[in-house]
């Protein structure tokens, strides 16, 4: 087994051997980079790491990434700091590891990234630390480009920067056209932010807006490019998911519920945890936008078809 030493000073010495590479090249990389000692304390944090995560170097150096900083979760929502941390495993065996994970942003939302963890050795070939390189892995670049191409705010919610109600109605009309003409099924998920009024009453409207932004960004970063998330009204969001069935719709609803549950917003010394309870339904070609949304919200009766039944997630 490769010998290791638990010494932050030794890790720094190994990094200093890189010379100007540490301060110049690393800070000009497009990828985020951070390095840890064997104790997993962060000793290097480049500028792209600040950009991707929202955390400044001064906020993280000397702390562990599991100290309410990045807190990686995998596709299934498992917290890797508790189970299966690639960085921790590489510190033990020296193997390079790759993974697609979701990290926690300073603003609270989850960001999809691809990571590579590599060991750091000293001159005696002892493991003295590890380096993680991470790259933004959003699947929604096309959607973002589409929003930007409008050059105006017609279809964009000013606060959350996702689609607004007008964009949702436009998208729903198009999906109904595809359902009737080409039999391309689609479903919708509708959710409110739980306890948002209590949060606003306790912490104020600015924190309330940050919560809305955090939830919108987290969900936006999880859905497919052909899906849409829109702000339906003040605290309600709608997801439009084409080419899915009822089983997939339920699975997506459960996934976003779980990921939002694992996000938080720091308000002073208090950590505000957020939950949502999505409701979903498949569209029927006899639906209108109003009947579809009402059924998803549980306000209307069943259509008589199983695939159109309302489903509550969580």
Foldseek 3Di string as FASTA:
>chain_A
DFAADQDVVQVVVLVCVVPCCQVPVQQPDCWWKWKAFLVQATAHTHPNNCVQAVDDPVRGHRHHCCPPGWQKAALQLDRCVVPVPPQNVCLVPQDKDWGWIWTAHQLWATFIKIKIKGFGAGPVRHTGIIMIIIDGDFQAPVVLVVLVVVVDCPQADPLQRFGEQVVVQVVVVVLLVCCVPPVWWKKKKKKFKPPLVVCCVVQNVVVSSSLQNRLSVNLNRNDHNVKGWYANDDGMIMIIGIRDFQVVVQVSQQSSQSNLQPIWHDDPPDTHGIGMKMKMFIDDSPDDPVRRVCQSVVNDDAPPDPRGHIDIHD
